[in-house]
Amino acid sequence: MLFSKYFSRGKKEEKVLEKIRSHIELLCKACELFSTALQSEDTGSMRAIIDLEREADGVKRKIISGIYEGAFLPYLRPDLCRFVETVDDIFDMLEDTAFNAMNIYLPHSIREESFRVAFLNSRMCEMLLITFDAMVEGEDLRERVLAIRIYEKKIDDMKFGILCDLRELAIDNYWHGKALSDFVTGLTSISDIIEDACDHLQIIHLSMR
């Protein structure tokens, strides 16, 4: 069932959908930037992620405002708001992880796996955008959702290996050890929140049937 059943072109609902899509696009841009910046150790690009988060926060406020001003039928509004807030949670986690990345030296033993996790997080964001577009068009979400779950499972498996390697490291400074631990936790938690966002899309999709 198409979202167009609930709105006509040019009305509040379509404007909100455009902003939601822009919100996810900013997330995709930030995740891709993080992935490349992590490998190149580009502090400037890491700082740019913080700027993107601020921009996304402004978009989020406009989306929520549009929904509360009457866009969409009442029973759809709570789940749409939850989806938008969850995307914002991904941004917050990414921002924290970028900040930690600027304050650590990434040990050789976990570098490659960390790069892979960052890359997969970026691919998951792209798939979240594809899933959102499919939902708006009323398409079947199952294959897209499955792809996101496969990515998340892969990252979850990699997390175990990274944590095992992390435990073998000799840490001579508490604060460096904490920053490194927080970095790994954030890096491997982003996929969990993306999966949560995908779950909200599924709920919205089912609500339209």
Protein backbone atom coordinates (compact mmCIF):
# COMPACT_ATOMS: atom_id res chain seq x y z
CA MET A 1 0.00 0.00 0.00
CA LEU A 2 1.47 3.36 -1.01
CA PHE A 3 2.07 6.21 1.39
CA SER A 4 0.34 8.31 -1.28
CA LYS A 5 -2.95 6.86 0.00
CA TYR A 6 -2.46 9.16 3.01
CA PHE A 7 -1.40 12.36 1.27
CA SER A 8 -1.44 14.14 -2.07
CA ARG A 9 1.60 15.74 -3.71
CA GLY A 10 2.55 19.10 -2.18
CA LYS A 11 0.90 18.56 1.20
CA LYS A 12 2.44 18.36 4.68
CA GLU A 13 3.05 14.62 4.54
CA GLU A 14 5.16 14.73 1.41
CA LYS A 15 7.27 17.58 2.79
CA VAL A 16 7.91 15.58 5.96
CA LEU A 17 8.86 12.50 3.93
CA GLU A 18 11.35 14.58 1.93
CA LYS A 19 12.93 15.80 5.17
CA ILE A 20 13.08 12.27 6.59
CA ARG A 21 14.88 11.15 3.46
CA SER A 22 17.31 14.08 3.78
CA HIS A 23 17.90 13.08 7.41
CA ILE A 24 18.87 9.54 6.38
CA GLU A 25 21.01 10.86 3.50
CA LEU A 26 22.98 12.97 5.98
CA LEU A 27 23.49 9.86 8.08
CA CYS A 28 24.78 7.94 5.04
CA LYS A 29 27.18 10.79 4.28
CA ALA A 30 28.42 10.87 7.89
CA CYS A 31 28.93 7.09 8.06
CA GLU A 32 30.85 7.02 4.79
CA LEU A 33 32.96 9.98 5.93
CA PHE A 34 33.71 8.19 9.20
CA SER A 35 34.76 5.03 7.38
CA THR A 36 37.24 6.85 5.12
CA ALA A 37 38.48 9.17 7.89
CA LEU A 38 39.18 6.23 10.19
CA GLN A 39 41.44 4.60 7.61
CA SER A 40 43.23 7.82 6.65
CA GLU A 41 43.41 9.09 10.26
CA ASP A 42 41.89 12.34 9.02
CA THR A 43 41.01 14.38 12.11
CA GLY A 44 39.47 17.15 10.02
CA SER A 45 36.94 14.76 8.50
CA MET A 46 36.14 13.37 11.95
CA ARG A 47 35.34 16.91 13.09
CA ALA A 48 33.14 17.34 10.00
CA ILE A 49 31.00 14.46 11.28
CA ILE A 50 30.21 16.55 14.36
CA ASP A 51 29.08 19.39 12.07
CA LEU A 52 26.89 16.96 10.10
CA GLU A 53 25.30 15.81 13.36
CA ARG A 54 24.35 19.41 14.19
CA GLU A 55 22.85 19.84 10.71
CA ALA A 56 20.92 16.60 11.11
CA ASP A 57 19.62 17.73 14.49
CA GLY A 58 18.07 20.77 12.82
CA VAL A 59 16.43 18.56 10.18
CA LYS A 60 15.08 16.28 12.92
CA ARG A 61 13.43 19.20 14.71
CA LYS A 62 11.71 20.26 11.47
CA ILE A 63 10.45 16.70 10.90
CA ILE A 64 9.03 16.37 14.40
CA SER A 65 7.47 19.83 14.13
CA GLY A 66 5.86 18.89 10.80
CA ILE A 67 4.41 15.70 12.27
CA TYR A 68 2.99 17.50 15.32
CA GLU A 69 1.51 20.17 13.08
CA GLY A 70 -0.78 17.51 11.62
CA ALA A 71 1.11 15.54 8.98
CA PHE A 72 -0.11 11.93 8.68
CA LEU A 73 -2.98 10.16 10.37
CA PRO A 74 -2.71 10.10 14.19
CA TYR A 75 -1.99 6.36 14.45
CA LEU A 76 1.11 6.69 12.22
CA ARG A 77 2.66 9.66 14.02
CA PRO A 78 4.15 7.90 17.08
CA ASP A 79 6.03 5.31 15.01
CA LEU A 80 7.25 7.93 12.55
CA CYS A 81 8.57 10.01 15.46
CA ARG A 82 10.23 6.95 16.98
CA PHE A 83 11.92 6.18 13.66
CA VAL A 84 13.24 9.73 13.35
CA GLU A 85 14.47 9.70 16.97
CA THR A 86 16.22 6.37 16.35
CA VAL A 87 18.03 7.78 13.30
CA ASP A 88 19.07 10.66 15.57
CA ASP A 89 20.38 8.10 18.10
CA ILE A 90 22.58 6.63 15.34
CA PHE A 91 23.98 10.11 14.69
CA ASP A 92 24.69 10.60 18.41
CA MET A 93 26.54 7.29 18.64
CA LEU A 94 28.50 8.05 15.47
CA GLU A 95 29.45 11.49 16.81
CA ASP A 96 30.67 10.01 20.11
CA THR A 97 32.64 7.35 18.25
CA ALA A 98 34.22 9.96 15.97
CA PHE A 99 35.22 12.00 19.02
CA ASN A 100 36.84 8.94 20.61
CA ALA A 101 38.59 8.11 17.33
CA MET A 102 40.30 11.51 17.44
CA ASN A 103 41.71 10.76 20.88
CA ILE A 104 43.15 7.28 20.46
CA TYR A 105 45.84 5.41 18.62
CA LEU A 106 44.14 2.44 16.97
CA PRO A 107 46.24 -0.66 17.78
CA HIS A 108 47.44 -2.73 14.83
CA SER A 109 45.71 -5.87 16.15
CA ILE A 110 42.22 -4.37 15.74
CA ARG A 111 42.78 -1.88 12.90
CA GLU A 112 41.62 -3.98 9.95
CA GLU A 113 38.54 -5.32 11.72
CA SER A 114 37.64 -1.81 12.89
CA PHE A 115 37.91 -0.57 9.29
CA ARG A 116 35.62 -3.40 8.15
CA VAL A 117 33.02 -2.64 10.81
CA ALA A 118 33.02 1.05 9.84
CA PHE A 119 32.58 0.07 6.17
CA LEU A 120 29.70 -2.29 6.99
CA ASN A 121 28.03 0.40 9.11
CA SER A 122 28.14 2.64 6.05
CA ARG A 123 26.58 -0.06 3.87
CA MET A 124 23.85 -0.61 6.48
CA CYS A 125 22.97 3.10 6.36
CA GLU A 126 22.66 2.92 2.59
CA MET A 127 20.38 -0.10 2.94
CA LEU A 128 18.28 1.77 5.53
CA LEU A 129 17.73 4.54 2.96
CA ILE A 130 16.80 1.95 0.32
CA THR A 131 14.37 0.35 2.78
CA PHE A 132 12.78 3.72 3.56
CA ASP A 133 12.30 4.43 -0.16
CA ALA A 134 10.77 0.98 -0.62
CA MET A 135 8.36 1.59 2.26
CA VAL A 136 7.24 4.92 0.78
CA GLU A 137 6.57 3.16 -2.53
CA GLY A 138 4.66 0.36 -0.79
CA GLU A 139 7.14 -2.32 -1.86
CA ASP A 140 7.93 -5.53 0.00
CA LEU A 141 10.58 -4.83 2.62
CA ARG A 142 11.60 -8.39 3.43
CA GLU A 143 14.74 -8.62 1.29
CA ARG A 144 15.99 -5.20 2.42
CA VAL A 145 15.31 -6.00 6.07
CA LEU A 146 17.07 -9.34 5.70
CA ALA A 147 20.14 -7.59 4.24
CA ILE A 148 20.28 -5.24 7.24
CA ARG A 149 19.98 -8.17 9.66
CA ILE A 150 22.78 -10.05 7.85
CA TYR A 151 25.04 -6.99 8.11
CA GLU A 152 24.22 -6.64 11.82
CA LYS A 153 24.93 -10.31 12.51
CA LYS A 154 28.28 -10.04 10.71
CA ILE A 155 29.27 -7.01 12.78
CA ASP A 156 28.12 -8.76 15.96
CA ASP A 157 30.41 -11.69 15.14
CA MET A 158 33.31 -9.34 14.40
CA LYS A 159 32.71 -7.51 17.69
CA PHE A 160 33.54 -10.68 19.63
CA GLY A 161 36.89 -11.01 17.83
CA ILE A 162 37.77 -7.34 18.35
CA LEU A 163 36.97 -7.57 22.07
CA CYS A 164 39.12 -10.69 22.40
CA ASP A 165 42.05 -8.88 20.75
CA LEU A 166 41.40 -5.83 22.92
CA ARG A 167 41.74 -7.88 26.10
CA GLU A 168 45.22 -8.99 25.00
CA LEU A 169 46.50 -5.42 24.73
CA ALA A 170 48.81 -4.00 27.37
CA ILE A 171 47.25 -0.70 28.46
CA ASP A 172 49.54 1.56 30.48
CA ASN A 173 47.17 4.53 30.73
CA TYR A 174 43.64 4.30 32.17
CA TRP A 175 42.19 7.11 30.09
CA HIS A 176 43.62 5.80 26.84
CA GLY A 177 42.23 2.38 27.68
CA LYS A 178 38.80 3.83 28.45
CA ALA A 179 38.74 5.88 25.24
CA LEU A 180 39.73 2.81 23.23
CA SER A 181 37.06 0.70 24.94
CA ASP A 182 34.42 3.40 24.36
CA PHE A 183 35.49 3.64 20.71
CA VAL A 184 35.06 -0.10 20.11
CA THR A 185 31.73 -0.13 21.97
CA GLY A 186 30.43 2.77 19.90
CA LEU A 187 31.74 1.42 16.60
CA THR A 188 30.08 -1.97 17.12
CA SER A 189 26.83 -0.56 18.56
CA ILE A 190 25.92 1.62 15.56
CA SER A 191 24.65 -1.43 13.66
CA ASP A 192 22.31 -2.33 16.55
CA ILE A 193 20.64 1.07 16.37
CA ILE A 194 20.38 0.90 12.57
CA GLU A 195 18.60 -2.43 12.99
CA ASP A 196 16.26 -0.79 15.53
CA ALA A 197 15.47 1.93 12.97
CA CYS A 198 14.72 -0.77 10.41
CA ASP A 199 12.32 -2.39 12.89
CA HIS A 200 10.40 0.89 13.14
CA LEU A 201 10.11 1.03 9.34
CA GLN A 202 8.63 -2.46 9.41
CA ILE A 203 6.09 -1.41 12.03
CA ILE A 204 5.07 1.62 9.96
CA HIS A 205 4.85 -0.56 6.85
CA LEU A 206 2.59 -3.06 8.63
CA SER A 207 0.43 -0.23 9.98
CA MET A 208 -0.40 0.80 6.42
CA ARG A 209 -1.87 -2.57 5.48
